[in-house]
Amino acid sequence: MGERVTGNTRLIEYGIMQEDRAIIRAHVAIGTGLVYIFSVGAAQDTLSRKPYREATAKQGQFITAKGKLVPPCDIADLVSIEIPAAWRTRALAYEKQDEGKKGQVAVEIMKHILKSGLLPSKFLTFVPQEITDEMLQVQGLDIIITATTKMQVKCDWRAGDKASGGTGNLYLQTHECNPYQKR
């Protein structure tokens, strides 16, 4: 007996070419031990320059996503960061879990990378705010800096280098549906 269908079952355009909120993407490839980080704009430019092979993803009986297979080296500003061994070892236990659980693990890995200061500053947008209150200045506070970068995190389990066990590509989604109302 399958899962109950409660959502849409037809693919709609949704993905990297329709993004308007995320500035950067992180594709967490637990299977190959790397996180690929790149700007949405650079990925969109890459997809618009040449045709890439298309692939689908399924959940149960439904095709739930369609996307392009893009070699990481084709995206101009892409950087890869190695997932620290301890985090990867814990994450590998989730390989047989559903997409939602894998996505949560990918977000946790990315949070660790951010907290550890491993994200290159070229992906961060800093907004400095000068402090004009004299009392705060006397206490040593002259500027407050906030980062306003918005990121989308994808679990792309076997993305990347074939020598590391990967597919040789990143999966850049262009269409999706959500028949089982999963997040």
Protein backbone atom coordinates (compact mmCIF):
# COMPACT_ATOMS: atom_id res chain seq x y z
CA MET A 1 0.00 0.00 0.00
CA GLY A 2 1.54 3.34 -1.09
CA GLU A 3 1.54 6.75 0.46
CA ARG A 4 -1.61 8.84 0.22
CA VAL A 5 -1.64 11.38 -2.62
CA THR A 6 -2.66 14.79 -1.26
CA GLY A 7 -0.69 17.25 -3.39
CA ASN A 8 -0.02 18.12 -7.00
CA THR A 9 1.01 15.32 -9.35
CA ARG A 10 1.95 17.32 -12.48
CA LEU A 11 5.42 18.81 -12.85
CA ILE A 12 5.52 22.59 -12.78
CA GLU A 13 8.44 24.91 -13.50
CA TYR A 14 10.16 25.33 -10.18
CA GLY A 15 13.84 25.37 -9.44
CA ILE A 16 17.09 27.11 -10.25
CA MET A 17 15.71 29.11 -13.18
CA GLN A 18 12.76 30.40 -11.13
CA GLU A 19 14.68 31.23 -7.94
CA ASP A 20 14.25 34.79 -6.82
CA ARG A 21 14.94 34.55 -3.11
CA ALA A 22 18.15 32.55 -2.76
CA ILE A 23 21.41 34.24 -3.70
CA ILE A 24 23.62 31.20 -3.31
CA ARG A 25 23.13 27.46 -3.37
CA ALA A 26 24.83 24.73 -1.43
CA HIS A 27 24.61 21.21 -2.85
CA VAL A 28 25.60 18.88 -0.03
CA ALA A 29 27.04 15.68 -1.50
CA ILE A 30 27.30 13.42 1.52
CA GLY A 31 28.18 10.43 -0.65
CA THR A 32 31.28 12.14 -2.03
CA GLY A 33 32.11 14.15 1.10
CA LEU A 34 31.87 17.58 -0.52
CA VAL A 35 29.64 20.64 -0.44
CA TYR A 36 29.40 22.60 -3.69
CA ILE A 37 28.63 26.29 -3.24
CA PHE A 38 27.81 28.67 -6.07
CA SER A 39 25.71 31.70 -6.87
CA VAL A 40 22.26 31.19 -8.35
CA GLY A 41 23.14 33.74 -11.04
CA ALA A 42 26.22 31.82 -12.17
CA ALA A 43 24.21 28.59 -12.37
CA GLN A 44 21.47 30.31 -14.37
CA ASP A 45 24.09 31.72 -16.77
CA THR A 46 25.56 28.24 -17.16
CA LEU A 47 22.18 26.70 -17.98
CA SER A 48 21.37 29.41 -20.50
CA ARG A 49 24.66 28.98 -22.41
CA LYS A 50 24.36 25.35 -23.46
CA PRO A 51 21.97 22.40 -23.31
CA TYR A 52 22.56 19.85 -20.58
CA ARG A 53 21.28 16.33 -20.24
CA GLU A 54 18.00 16.10 -18.35
CA ALA A 55 17.21 13.66 -15.54
CA THR A 56 14.14 12.91 -13.44
CA ALA A 57 13.61 11.93 -9.82
CA LYS A 58 10.79 9.71 -8.54
CA GLN A 59 8.93 9.13 -5.31
CA GLY A 60 6.73 6.06 -5.47
CA GLN A 61 4.90 6.02 -8.81
CA PHE A 62 5.38 9.72 -9.58
CA ILE A 63 8.14 11.64 -11.30
CA THR A 64 8.55 14.41 -8.74
CA ALA A 65 11.39 16.44 -10.23
CA LYS A 66 13.14 17.18 -13.47
CA GLY A 67 16.49 18.86 -13.72
CA LYS A 68 19.72 19.32 -15.63
CA LEU A 69 22.95 17.41 -15.01
CA VAL A 70 25.75 19.97 -14.88
CA PRO A 71 29.44 19.24 -14.28
CA PRO A 72 30.57 21.35 -11.29
CA CYS A 73 33.46 22.81 -13.31
CA ASP A 74 30.96 24.46 -15.69
CA ILE A 75 29.68 26.87 -12.99
CA ALA A 76 31.97 29.90 -12.96
CA ASP A 77 32.08 30.79 -9.25
CA LEU A 78 31.64 27.32 -7.74
CA VAL A 79 33.80 26.28 -4.80
CA SER A 80 33.84 22.94 -3.04
CA ILE A 81 34.33 22.43 0.67
CA GLU A 82 35.18 19.08 2.19
CA ILE A 83 32.68 17.83 4.75
CA PRO A 84 34.63 17.14 7.95
CA ALA A 85 34.98 13.38 8.46
CA ALA A 86 33.00 13.19 11.72
CA TRP A 87 30.00 15.00 10.21
CA ARG A 88 30.11 12.87 7.08
CA THR A 89 30.27 9.62 9.07
CA ARG A 90 27.13 10.60 11.01
CA ALA A 91 25.35 11.76 7.83
CA LEU A 92 26.06 8.54 5.90
CA ALA A 93 23.62 6.75 8.23
CA TYR A 94 20.78 8.69 6.55
CA GLU A 95 21.36 7.36 3.01
CA LYS A 96 18.23 5.16 3.08
CA GLN A 97 16.03 7.85 4.67
CA ASP A 98 13.40 9.85 2.79
CA GLU A 99 14.21 13.11 1.01
CA GLY A 100 12.96 15.24 3.90
CA LYS A 101 15.32 13.63 6.41
CA LYS A 102 18.25 13.84 3.97
CA GLY A 103 17.45 17.51 3.44
CA GLN A 104 17.52 18.13 7.19
CA VAL A 105 20.93 16.45 7.44
CA ALA A 106 22.21 18.59 4.54
CA VAL A 107 21.03 21.76 6.32
CA GLU A 108 22.74 20.65 9.55
CA ILE A 109 26.01 20.08 7.69
CA MET A 110 25.75 23.50 6.08
CA LYS A 111 25.07 25.13 9.45
CA HIS A 112 28.24 23.49 10.82
CA ILE A 113 30.22 24.78 7.83
CA LEU A 114 28.90 28.30 8.38
CA LYS A 115 29.57 28.24 12.14
CA SER A 116 33.08 26.95 11.48
CA GLY A 117 33.83 29.86 9.15
CA LEU A 118 34.48 27.60 6.16
CA LEU A 119 32.26 29.49 3.71
CA PRO A 120 34.35 31.79 1.47
CA SER A 121 33.57 35.45 2.14
CA LYS A 122 32.92 36.08 -1.58
CA PHE A 123 29.49 34.49 -1.02
CA LEU A 124 28.58 36.74 1.89
CA THR A 125 26.90 40.11 1.55
CA PHE A 126 27.87 42.33 4.48
CA VAL A 127 25.84 45.34 5.56
CA PRO A 128 27.74 47.71 7.88
CA GLN A 129 25.73 50.00 10.14
CA GLU A 130 27.65 52.90 11.70
CA ILE A 131 26.84 53.55 15.36
CA THR A 132 26.33 57.25 16.08
CA ASP A 133 25.28 56.95 19.71
CA GLU A 134 28.21 58.43 21.71
CA MET A 135 27.59 56.21 24.74
CA LEU A 136 27.88 53.09 22.58
CA GLN A 137 30.97 54.50 20.85
CA VAL A 138 32.64 55.09 24.23
CA GLN A 139 31.93 51.42 25.04
CA GLY A 140 33.83 50.47 21.87
CA LEU A 141 30.95 49.93 19.47
CA ASP A 142 31.39 51.82 16.18
CA ILE A 143 30.00 49.52 13.50
CA ILE A 144 27.57 46.60 13.52
CA ILE A 145 27.97 44.21 10.60
CA THR A 146 25.27 41.83 9.48
CA ALA A 147 25.35 39.28 6.68
CA THR A 148 22.25 39.24 4.49
CA THR A 149 23.06 36.33 2.20
CA LYS A 150 20.16 33.99 1.44
CA MET A 151 21.03 30.38 0.73
CA GLN A 152 19.18 27.33 -0.52
CA VAL A 153 20.58 23.99 0.61
CA LYS A 154 20.04 20.86 -1.48
CA CYS A 155 20.97 17.31 -0.62
CA ASP A 156 22.59 16.10 -3.84
CA TRP A 157 23.84 12.82 -2.35
CA ARG A 158 26.27 11.63 -5.05
CA ALA A 159 27.09 14.92 -6.75
CA GLY A 160 30.53 15.64 -8.04
CA ASP A 161 33.74 13.90 -8.94
CA LYS A 162 33.46 10.34 -10.28
CA ALA A 163 36.80 9.47 -8.68
CA SER A 164 35.15 10.11 -5.29
CA GLY A 165 32.13 7.95 -6.14
CA GLY A 166 30.04 10.77 -7.56
CA THR A 167 27.95 11.09 -10.70
CA GLY A 168 30.22 13.69 -12.27
CA ASN A 169 27.41 16.28 -12.09
CA LEU A 170 25.26 18.47 -9.92
CA TYR A 171 21.49 18.06 -10.27
CA LEU A 172 19.99 21.50 -10.96
CA GLN A 173 16.24 21.12 -10.61
CA THR A 174 13.99 22.91 -13.10
CA HIS A 175 10.56 21.33 -12.41
CA GLU A 176 8.83 19.60 -9.50
CA CYS A 177 5.62 18.30 -8.03
CA ASN A 178 4.81 17.23 -4.50
CA PRO A 179 2.19 14.46 -4.57
CA TYR A 180 2.78 13.38 -0.96
CA GLN A 181 3.00 16.91 0.50
CA LYS A 182 6.55 16.33 1.77
CA ARG A 183 8.69 19.32 2.71
